[in-house]
Amino acid sequence: MTSEPSPDAALFAALRRTWSTHDPVPTALVDGMIAAVATADIGREYALLTLVESEANAAVRGDADMLTLQFSDGHTNVLVHVTIGEGGTRRLDGWSDSDVADVRLIQQGAELRAESDGGRFSFDAVGAGISRLRVQLLAPPAPDTGTELLTPRFEI
């Protein structure tokens, strides 16, 4: 084995030096590309959470309290009402402006499946706690969009 670099390696090193000198990589390019790739599918994982209306502006606690939340990913909107049910459980009623194939409520690692009728769905006898909704649509709401909306966590 020789310690001298091969002609190809020497040529590639010379090309690398030339490009580094005359056209260097922009300083923010690598970090920008990492951020772009990391957020490319963020709409699927996170939706905008907006508190629309609440009598107490807090988690549902009293008999008359109702929590209303609206979720949107820019293409699909989901409205959710949470009320106190029997025995301290909660009832969650929801509506989507797109036709829904499947809706799941995720709580502490468990998933509950709702019966859905078009864009309406509901869950009965849900325990209090941190929750998320996974809404599977029948069709994409717009070209080049997904069919799943995963809400951020919310407390019921």
N, C-alpha and C. Protein backbone atom coordinates (compact mmCIF):
# COMPACT_ATOMS: atom_id res chain seq x y z
N MET A 1 0.84 -1.17 0.00
CA MET A 1 0.00 0.00 0.00
C MET A 1 0.89 1.24 0.00
N THR A 2 0.44 2.22 -0.73
CA THR A 2 1.19 3.47 -0.78
C THR A 2 0.47 4.50 0.06
N SER A 3 1.23 5.45 0.57
CA SER A 3 0.64 6.50 1.38
C SER A 3 0.17 7.68 0.52
N GLU A 4 0.42 7.64 -0.76
CA GLU A 4 0.00 8.72 -1.64
C GLU A 4 -1.48 8.53 -2.00
N PRO A 5 -2.22 9.64 -2.06
CA PRO A 5 -3.62 9.52 -2.44
C PRO A 5 -3.76 9.14 -3.91
N SER A 6 -4.86 8.48 -4.22
CA SER A 6 -5.10 8.10 -5.61
C SER A 6 -5.36 9.36 -6.44
N PRO A 7 -5.19 9.28 -7.76
CA PRO A 7 -5.46 10.45 -8.60
C PRO A 7 -6.90 10.94 -8.46
N ASP A 8 -7.85 10.03 -8.29
CA ASP A 8 -9.24 10.45 -8.12
C ASP A 8 -9.43 11.21 -6.81
N ALA A 9 -8.84 10.72 -5.75
CA ALA A 9 -8.96 11.39 -4.45
C ALA A 9 -8.35 12.78 -4.50
N ALA A 10 -7.21 12.92 -5.17
CA ALA A 10 -6.57 14.24 -5.30
C ALA A 10 -7.44 15.18 -6.11
N LEU A 11 -8.08 14.66 -7.17
CA LEU A 11 -8.96 15.48 -8.00
C LEU A 11 -10.18 15.93 -7.20
N PHE A 12 -10.79 15.01 -6.46
CA PHE A 12 -11.96 15.36 -5.64
C PHE A 12 -11.60 16.37 -4.56
N ALA A 13 -10.45 16.23 -3.95
CA ALA A 13 -10.01 17.20 -2.93
C ALA A 13 -9.82 18.58 -3.56
N ALA A 14 -9.25 18.64 -4.76
CA ALA A 14 -9.07 19.92 -5.44
C ALA A 14 -10.41 20.54 -5.79
N LEU A 15 -11.36 19.73 -6.25
CA LEU A 15 -12.70 20.24 -6.55
C LEU A 15 -13.39 20.77 -5.29
N ARG A 16 -13.27 20.03 -4.19
CA ARG A 16 -13.87 20.44 -2.92
C ARG A 16 -13.31 21.79 -2.47
N ARG A 17 -12.00 21.97 -2.57
CA ARG A 17 -11.36 23.25 -2.20
C ARG A 17 -11.86 24.38 -3.09
N THR A 18 -11.97 24.11 -4.39
CA THR A 18 -12.44 25.14 -5.33
C THR A 18 -13.85 25.57 -4.99
N TRP A 19 -14.76 24.61 -4.80
CA TRP A 19 -16.14 24.96 -4.48
C TRP A 19 -16.23 25.63 -3.10
N SER A 20 -15.47 25.18 -2.15
CA SER A 20 -15.50 25.81 -0.81
C SER A 20 -15.03 27.25 -0.88
N THR A 21 -14.09 27.54 -1.76
CA THR A 21 -13.57 28.90 -1.89
C THR A 21 -14.52 29.80 -2.66
N HIS A 22 -15.03 29.32 -3.78
CA HIS A 22 -15.80 30.17 -4.70
C HIS A 22 -17.31 30.10 -4.49
N ASP A 23 -17.83 29.05 -3.89
CA ASP A 23 -19.26 28.91 -3.66
C ASP A 23 -19.50 28.11 -2.38
N PRO A 24 -19.20 28.72 -1.23
CA PRO A 24 -19.34 27.97 0.03
C PRO A 24 -20.81 27.69 0.35
N VAL A 25 -21.03 26.67 1.15
CA VAL A 25 -22.37 26.32 1.62
C VAL A 25 -22.86 27.45 2.52
N PRO A 26 -24.08 27.97 2.28
CA PRO A 26 -24.62 29.01 3.17
C PRO A 26 -24.66 28.53 4.62
N THR A 27 -24.38 29.43 5.54
CA THR A 27 -24.25 29.03 6.95
C THR A 27 -25.54 28.46 7.52
N ALA A 28 -26.69 28.93 7.08
CA ALA A 28 -27.96 28.47 7.66
C ALA A 28 -28.58 27.31 6.88
N LEU A 29 -27.93 26.85 5.83
CA LEU A 29 -28.53 25.82 4.98
C LEU A 29 -28.76 24.51 5.72
N VAL A 30 -27.79 24.01 6.42
CA VAL A 30 -27.93 22.71 7.09
C VAL A 30 -29.02 22.78 8.15
N ASP A 31 -28.98 23.80 9.01
CA ASP A 31 -30.01 23.92 10.06
C ASP A 31 -31.39 24.14 9.44
N GLY A 32 -31.45 24.92 8.37
CA GLY A 32 -32.72 25.16 7.70
C GLY A 32 -33.31 23.90 7.09
N MET A 33 -32.46 23.08 6.51
CA MET A 33 -32.93 21.82 5.91
C MET A 33 -33.39 20.84 6.99
N ILE A 34 -32.68 20.79 8.11
CA ILE A 34 -33.09 19.91 9.21
C ILE A 34 -34.46 20.35 9.73
N ALA A 35 -34.66 21.66 9.89
CA ALA A 35 -35.95 22.18 10.36
C ALA A 35 -37.05 21.92 9.34
N ALA A 36 -36.75 22.08 8.05
CA ALA A 36 -37.76 21.85 7.01
C ALA A 36 -38.20 20.39 6.98
N VAL A 37 -37.27 19.48 7.09
CA VAL A 37 -37.61 18.06 7.08
C VAL A 37 -38.38 17.69 8.34
N ALA A 38 -37.99 18.25 9.47
CA ALA A 38 -38.65 17.93 10.74
C ALA A 38 -40.09 18.44 10.77
N THR A 39 -40.37 19.54 10.10
CA THR A 39 -41.72 20.12 10.13
C THR A 39 -42.52 19.85 8.87
N ALA A 40 -42.00 19.07 7.94
CA ALA A 40 -42.68 18.83 6.67
C ALA A 40 -44.06 18.23 6.88
N ASP A 41 -44.24 17.38 7.88
CA ASP A 41 -45.51 16.71 8.09
C ASP A 41 -46.14 17.12 9.42
N ILE A 42 -45.83 18.32 9.87
CA ILE A 42 -46.30 18.72 11.19
C ILE A 42 -47.82 18.90 11.24
N GLY A 43 -48.42 19.24 10.11
CA GLY A 43 -49.87 19.39 10.08
C GLY A 43 -50.59 18.11 10.41
N ARG A 44 -50.01 16.98 10.06
CA ARG A 44 -50.61 15.69 10.37
C ARG A 44 -50.56 15.41 11.86
N GLU A 45 -49.51 15.82 12.51
CA GLU A 45 -49.33 15.50 13.92
C GLU A 45 -49.95 16.52 14.86
N TYR A 46 -49.97 17.75 14.46
CA TYR A 46 -50.47 18.80 15.33
C TYR A 46 -51.50 19.65 14.61
N ALA A 47 -52.54 20.00 15.28
CA ALA A 47 -53.54 20.91 14.76
C ALA A 47 -53.58 22.12 15.68
N LEU A 48 -54.05 23.20 15.14
CA LEU A 48 -54.17 24.41 15.94
C LEU A 48 -55.28 24.24 16.95
N LEU A 49 -54.99 24.46 18.21
CA LEU A 49 -55.97 24.32 19.29
C LEU A 49 -56.46 25.70 19.67
N THR A 50 -57.75 25.89 19.60
CA THR A 50 -58.33 27.18 19.95
C THR A 50 -59.45 26.95 20.96
N LEU A 51 -59.38 27.63 22.08
CA LEU A 51 -60.46 27.58 23.04
C LEU A 51 -61.54 28.54 22.57
N VAL A 52 -62.70 28.00 22.17
CA VAL A 52 -63.75 28.82 21.59
C VAL A 52 -64.64 29.41 22.68
N GLU A 53 -65.11 28.56 23.58
CA GLU A 53 -66.05 29.04 24.58
C GLU A 53 -65.99 28.13 25.79
N SER A 54 -66.04 28.71 26.97
CA SER A 54 -66.10 27.92 28.18
C SER A 54 -66.67 28.79 29.29
N GLU A 55 -67.63 28.27 30.02
CA GLU A 55 -68.23 29.06 31.09
C GLU A 55 -67.22 29.34 32.20
N ALA A 56 -66.32 28.40 32.46
CA ALA A 56 -65.37 28.56 33.56
C ALA A 56 -63.95 28.82 33.08
N ASN A 57 -63.70 28.73 31.78
CA ASN A 57 -62.34 28.87 31.23
C ASN A 57 -61.34 27.95 31.91
N ALA A 58 -61.78 26.77 32.25
CA ALA A 58 -60.91 25.79 32.90
C ALA A 58 -61.40 24.40 32.49
N ALA A 59 -60.74 23.39 33.02
CA ALA A 59 -61.20 22.03 32.74
C ALA A 59 -62.60 21.85 33.30
N VAL A 60 -63.36 20.94 32.72
CA VAL A 60 -64.74 20.73 33.14
C VAL A 60 -64.75 20.20 34.56
N ARG A 61 -65.45 20.91 35.45
CA ARG A 61 -65.45 20.51 36.86
C ARG A 61 -66.85 20.48 37.47
N GLY A 62 -67.74 21.39 37.09
CA GLY A 62 -69.06 21.46 37.71
C GLY A 62 -70.11 20.79 36.87
N ASP A 63 -71.34 20.64 37.43
CA ASP A 63 -72.42 19.98 36.72
C ASP A 63 -72.85 20.74 35.48
N ALA A 64 -72.79 22.07 35.51
CA ALA A 64 -73.28 22.87 34.39
C ALA A 64 -72.17 23.26 33.42
N ASP A 65 -70.95 22.94 33.73
CA ASP A 65 -69.84 23.36 32.88
C ASP A 65 -69.80 22.59 31.57
N MET A 66 -69.40 23.31 30.55
CA MET A 66 -69.20 22.69 29.25
C MET A 66 -67.94 23.30 28.64
N LEU A 67 -67.12 22.48 28.08
CA LEU A 67 -65.89 22.93 27.43
C LEU A 67 -66.08 22.77 25.94
N THR A 68 -65.80 23.82 25.18
CA THR A 68 -65.90 23.77 23.73
C THR A 68 -64.54 24.05 23.14
N LEU A 69 -64.06 23.15 22.29
CA LEU A 69 -62.76 23.31 21.65
C LEU A 69 -62.92 23.20 20.15
N GLN A 70 -62.07 23.94 19.45
CA GLN A 70 -62.05 23.84 17.99
C GLN A 70 -60.64 23.52 17.54
N PHE A 71 -60.50 22.53 16.66
CA PHE A 71 -59.21 22.15 16.13
C PHE A 71 -59.24 22.36 14.62
N SER A 72 -58.13 22.80 14.07
CA SER A 72 -58.03 22.97 12.63
C SER A 72 -56.60 22.75 12.19
N ASP A 73 -56.44 22.11 11.03
CA ASP A 73 -55.11 21.99 10.45
C ASP A 73 -54.99 22.85 9.19
N GLY A 74 -55.93 23.75 9.00
CA GLY A 74 -55.93 24.62 7.83
C GLY A 74 -56.84 24.12 6.72
N HIS A 75 -57.22 22.85 6.77
CA HIS A 75 -58.10 22.28 5.75
C HIS A 75 -59.35 21.65 6.37
N THR A 76 -59.19 21.06 7.53
CA THR A 76 -60.29 20.39 8.21
C THR A 76 -60.49 21.03 9.57
N ASN A 77 -61.75 21.26 9.92
CA ASN A 77 -62.09 21.83 11.23
C ASN A 77 -62.88 20.80 12.02
N VAL A 78 -62.57 20.70 13.30
CA VAL A 78 -63.27 19.80 14.21
C VAL A 78 -63.69 20.60 15.43
N LEU A 79 -64.97 20.53 15.77
CA LEU A 79 -65.51 21.21 16.94
C LEU A 79 -65.89 20.14 17.96
N VAL A 80 -65.52 20.33 19.23
CA VAL A 80 -65.75 19.34 20.27
C VAL A 80 -66.40 20.01 21.48
N HIS A 81 -67.47 19.40 21.99
CA HIS A 81 -68.12 19.83 23.24
C HIS A 81 -67.89 18.73 24.27
N VAL A 82 -67.45 19.11 25.45
CA VAL A 82 -67.25 18.15 26.54
C VAL A 82 -68.16 18.56 27.68
N THR A 83 -68.98 17.63 28.16
CA THR A 83 -69.88 17.89 29.28
C THR A 83 -69.70 16.78 30.32
N ILE A 84 -70.14 17.09 31.55
CA ILE A 84 -70.08 16.09 32.63
C ILE A 84 -71.22 15.10 32.44
N GLY A 85 -70.87 13.82 32.51
CA GLY A 85 -71.86 12.76 32.43
C GLY A 85 -72.15 12.19 33.80
N GLU A 86 -72.77 11.04 33.84
CA GLU A 86 -73.11 10.41 35.11
C GLU A 86 -71.87 9.87 35.79
N GLY A 87 -71.82 9.97 37.09
CA GLY A 87 -70.72 9.42 37.88
C GLY A 87 -69.39 10.13 37.67
N GLY A 88 -69.42 11.37 37.21
CA GLY A 88 -68.19 12.12 37.03
C GLY A 88 -67.48 11.85 35.71
N THR A 89 -68.06 10.97 34.88
CA THR A 89 -67.46 10.75 33.57
C THR A 89 -67.81 11.91 32.64
N ARG A 90 -67.19 11.94 31.50
CA ARG A 90 -67.43 13.00 30.54
C ARG A 90 -68.09 12.43 29.29
N ARG A 91 -68.83 13.30 28.63
CA ARG A 91 -69.38 12.98 27.31
C ARG A 91 -68.74 13.96 26.33
N LEU A 92 -68.23 13.41 25.24
CA LEU A 92 -67.58 14.23 24.23
C LEU A 92 -68.38 14.10 22.93
N ASP A 93 -68.92 15.22 22.44
CA ASP A 93 -69.62 15.26 21.16
C ASP A 93 -68.78 16.08 20.20
N GLY A 94 -68.63 15.60 18.97
CA GLY A 94 -67.79 16.30 18.01
C GLY A 94 -68.40 16.35 16.63
N TRP A 95 -67.95 17.36 15.88
CA TRP A 95 -68.40 17.57 14.51
C TRP A 95 -67.20 17.95 13.66
N SER A 96 -67.15 17.40 12.46
CA SER A 96 -66.10 17.73 11.51
C SER A 96 -66.75 18.27 10.24
N ASP A 97 -66.09 19.22 9.58
CA ASP A 97 -66.64 19.74 8.33
C ASP A 97 -66.28 18.85 7.14
N SER A 98 -65.58 17.75 7.39
CA SER A 98 -65.28 16.74 6.36
C SER A 98 -65.90 15.42 6.78
N ASP A 99 -66.18 14.56 5.82
CA ASP A 99 -66.72 13.24 6.14
C ASP A 99 -65.66 12.42 6.86
N VAL A 100 -66.07 11.79 7.95
CA VAL A 100 -65.16 11.07 8.83
C VAL A 100 -65.29 9.57 8.63
N ALA A 101 -64.17 8.88 8.50
CA ALA A 101 -64.16 7.42 8.41
C ALA A 101 -64.03 6.79 9.78
N ASP A 102 -63.21 7.40 10.65
CA ASP A 102 -62.94 6.81 11.96
C ASP A 102 -62.45 7.91 12.90
N VAL A 103 -62.89 7.86 14.15
CA VAL A 103 -62.43 8.80 15.17
C VAL A 103 -62.04 8.01 16.40
N ARG A 104 -60.86 8.31 16.93
CA ARG A 104 -60.37 7.64 18.14
C ARG A 104 -59.98 8.69 19.17
N LEU A 105 -60.34 8.42 20.43
CA LEU A 105 -59.93 9.25 21.56
C LEU A 105 -58.79 8.52 22.26
N ILE A 106 -57.65 9.19 22.35
CA ILE A 106 -56.47 8.58 22.95
C ILE A 106 -56.29 9.18 24.35
N GLN A 107 -56.26 8.32 25.35
CA GLN A 107 -56.11 8.74 26.75
C GLN A 107 -55.21 7.75 27.46
N GLN A 108 -54.11 8.22 28.00
CA GLN A 108 -53.20 7.40 28.80
C GLN A 108 -52.88 6.06 28.14
N GLY A 109 -52.57 6.11 26.85
CA GLY A 109 -52.19 4.91 26.13
C GLY A 109 -53.33 4.06 25.62
N ALA A 110 -54.55 4.32 26.06
CA ALA A 110 -55.71 3.57 25.59
C ALA A 110 -56.41 4.36 24.49
N GLU A 111 -57.08 3.64 23.60
CA GLU A 111 -57.83 4.28 22.53
C GLU A 111 -59.28 3.83 22.57
N LEU A 112 -60.19 4.80 22.49
CA LEU A 112 -61.62 4.52 22.39
C LEU A 112 -62.05 4.88 20.98
N ARG A 113 -62.91 4.08 20.39
CA ARG A 113 -63.38 4.34 19.03
C ARG A 113 -64.81 4.87 19.10
N ALA A 114 -65.07 5.92 18.34
CA ALA A 114 -66.40 6.52 18.32
C ALA A 114 -67.20 6.00 17.13
N GLU A 115 -68.49 5.97 17.30
CA GLU A 115 -69.37 5.76 16.16
C GLU A 115 -69.50 7.11 15.47
N SER A 116 -69.38 7.11 14.15
CA SER A 116 -69.47 8.38 13.44
C SER A 116 -70.56 8.29 12.38
N ASP A 117 -71.18 9.42 12.13
CA ASP A 117 -72.22 9.54 11.12
C ASP A 117 -71.87 10.77 10.27
N GLY A 118 -71.22 10.54 9.15
CA GLY A 118 -70.76 11.66 8.33
C GLY A 118 -69.66 12.40 9.05
N GLY A 119 -69.97 13.59 9.53
CA GLY A 119 -68.99 14.37 10.25
C GLY A 119 -69.23 14.44 11.74
N ARG A 120 -70.28 13.75 12.26
CA ARG A 120 -70.61 13.80 13.68
C ARG A 120 -70.11 12.54 14.37
N PHE A 121 -69.62 12.72 15.62
CA PHE A 121 -69.16 11.58 16.41
C PHE A 121 -69.33 11.89 17.88
N SER A 122 -69.32 10.84 18.73
CA SER A 122 -69.46 11.06 20.17
C SER A 122 -68.82 9.91 20.94
N PHE A 123 -68.44 10.25 22.17
CA PHE A 123 -67.89 9.28 23.12
C PHE A 123 -68.68 9.44 24.41
N ASP A 124 -69.16 8.34 24.99
CA ASP A 124 -69.86 8.37 26.27
C ASP A 124 -68.97 7.80 27.36
N ALA A 125 -69.19 8.22 28.58
CA ALA A 125 -68.53 7.67 29.77
C ALA A 125 -67.01 7.68 29.64
N VAL A 126 -66.46 8.84 29.31
CA VAL A 126 -65.02 9.00 29.19
C VAL A 126 -64.47 9.52 30.51
N GLY A 127 -63.38 8.98 30.98
CA GLY A 127 -62.76 9.45 32.21
C GLY A 127 -62.05 10.77 31.99
N ALA A 128 -61.86 11.52 33.09
CA ALA A 128 -61.14 12.79 33.01
C ALA A 128 -59.68 12.51 32.74
N GLY A 129 -59.02 13.47 32.09
CA GLY A 129 -57.59 13.32 31.86
C GLY A 129 -57.13 13.99 30.58
N ILE A 130 -55.85 13.84 30.31
CA ILE A 130 -55.25 14.39 29.10
C ILE A 130 -55.65 13.50 27.92
N SER A 131 -56.12 14.14 26.86
CA SER A 131 -56.67 13.40 25.73
C SER A 131 -56.18 13.96 24.40
N ARG A 132 -56.33 13.16 23.36
CA ARG A 132 -56.09 13.58 21.97
C ARG A 132 -57.13 12.90 21.11
N LEU A 133 -57.44 13.52 19.99
CA LEU A 133 -58.32 12.90 19.01
C LEU A 133 -57.52 12.57 17.76
N ARG A 134 -57.76 11.39 17.20
CA ARG A 134 -57.21 11.01 15.90
C ARG A 134 -58.42 10.85 14.98
N VAL A 135 -58.54 11.77 14.01
CA VAL A 135 -59.66 11.79 13.09
C VAL A 135 -59.17 11.33 11.73
N GLN A 136 -59.75 10.23 11.23
CA GLN A 136 -59.41 9.71 9.91
C GLN A 136 -60.53 10.10 8.96
N LEU A 137 -60.20 10.85 7.91
CA LEU A 137 -61.19 11.33 6.96
C LEU A 137 -61.39 10.31 5.84
N LEU A 138 -62.57 10.35 5.21
CA LEU A 138 -62.84 9.46 4.08
C LEU A 138 -62.00 9.83 2.87
N ALA A 139 -61.74 11.12 2.68
CA ALA A 139 -60.97 11.58 1.53
C ALA A 139 -60.17 12.82 1.93
N PRO A 140 -59.07 13.09 1.24
CA PRO A 140 -58.30 14.30 1.54
C PRO A 140 -59.17 15.54 1.31
N PRO A 141 -59.11 16.54 2.19
CA PRO A 141 -59.94 17.73 2.03
C PRO A 141 -59.46 18.64 0.90
N ALA A 142 -58.23 18.50 0.49
CA ALA A 142 -57.65 19.31 -0.59
C ALA A 142 -56.55 18.50 -1.24
N PRO A 143 -56.18 18.85 -2.48
CA PRO A 143 -55.08 18.12 -3.12
C PRO A 143 -53.80 18.20 -2.29
N ASP A 144 -53.04 17.14 -2.30
CA ASP A 144 -51.75 17.05 -1.60
C ASP A 144 -51.87 17.22 -0.10
N THR A 145 -53.01 16.84 0.49
CA THR A 145 -53.17 16.86 1.94
C THR A 145 -53.46 15.45 2.42
N GLY A 146 -53.27 15.23 3.71
CA GLY A 146 -53.49 13.92 4.28
C GLY A 146 -54.94 13.68 4.65
N THR A 147 -55.20 12.48 5.10
CA THR A 147 -56.56 12.11 5.52
C THR A 147 -56.64 11.92 7.03
N GLU A 148 -55.61 12.32 7.77
CA GLU A 148 -55.63 12.15 9.22
C GLU A 148 -55.35 13.48 9.91
N LEU A 149 -56.13 13.76 10.94
CA LEU A 149 -55.91 14.94 11.79
C LEU A 149 -55.68 14.42 13.19
N LEU A 150 -54.53 14.74 13.77
CA LEU A 150 -54.19 14.35 15.14
C LEU A 150 -54.10 15.62 15.95
N THR A 151 -55.02 15.78 16.90
CA THR A 151 -55.05 17.02 17.68
C THR A 151 -53.93 17.06 18.70
N PRO A 152 -53.60 18.25 19.16
CA PRO A 152 -52.70 18.31 20.31
C PRO A 152 -53.43 17.80 21.55
N ARG A 153 -52.68 17.61 22.62
CA ARG A 153 -53.29 17.13 23.86
C ARG A 153 -54.16 18.22 24.47
N PHE A 154 -55.28 17.79 25.06
CA PHE A 154 -56.17 18.70 25.78
C PHE A 154 -56.70 17.97 26.99
N GLU A 155 -57.12 18.73 27.99
CA GLU A 155 -57.60 18.13 29.23
C GLU A 155 -59.11 18.19 29.30
N ILE A 156 -59.71 17.04 29.65
CA ILE A 156 -61.17 17.01 29.85
C ILE A 156 -61.46 16.55 31.26
